[in-house]
Amino acid sequence: MTSDKTDSAGLLQRPMRADARRNYDKLLDAARDAFTQDGPDATLDDIARRAGVGPGTLYRHFPTRQHLLEAVYLGEVQEMCRAADDLADLSPWDALVAWLRQYLSFAATKRAVAGELVTYIDRDAEVFRNSREALVGAGDALVQAAQAAGTLRPDTSFGEIGRLVGTIGGMSPTSGPEEIDRMFAIVLDGLRHQPARDSRDSRD
């Protein structure tokens, strides 16, 4: 069985053998964890060790550090877009909350990987433009569905929500998961639509 991969421009490359695809995926997983935890201090040799493959295998898939950074970044964006489609069976509010919870983890990886990637390419490069468009499209669809269902306040947008959740996701690791969860819950409380109370109720 073979599998295809695409470059940063979305062009189809030659299919990979199953064993090569497994190594490719292991390298991406290891690189995501290494870049998120260690940032620029993460070395390619360390990533190869984490993945359980030799340096030669890494360089066959990713000739340079930039190639690996781009692949990790694009892989995370693609996973977020797939996740939005996979939540179609949930209610609009539950789908949005589940996706934003995943966005918390994505934000931490995005901050680390994109922060280093801009040392190689401009923020207006195609990889960033395409990724922004894909993320905004996925986020907008979930936001608009929740607003149409009357469960999300109507005076907000995915751009605003993404910045809020992204800030929480990028909090210092020393904050701990409990604090991150608490901040996320506060944001959700603020986003939930609160119908205006009847004026007679306000006098009670």
Foldseek 3Di string as FASTA:
>chain_A
DWDWDAALLRDIDDTDDPVLVLLVVLLLVLVLVQLLVPFPVRDLCVSCVSSVHGSVSVCVQPVDPLRSLLVNLVVLLVVLLVLLVVLVVPQLLVSLLVSLVSLLQVLSSCCRSVVVNCVPPPCPDSSNVVSVVSNQVSNQVSQVRCVVVQFWDPPDGSVVVSVQSSVLSNDDVVCDPVNSVVSSVVVSVVGTHDDDDDPVVVVD
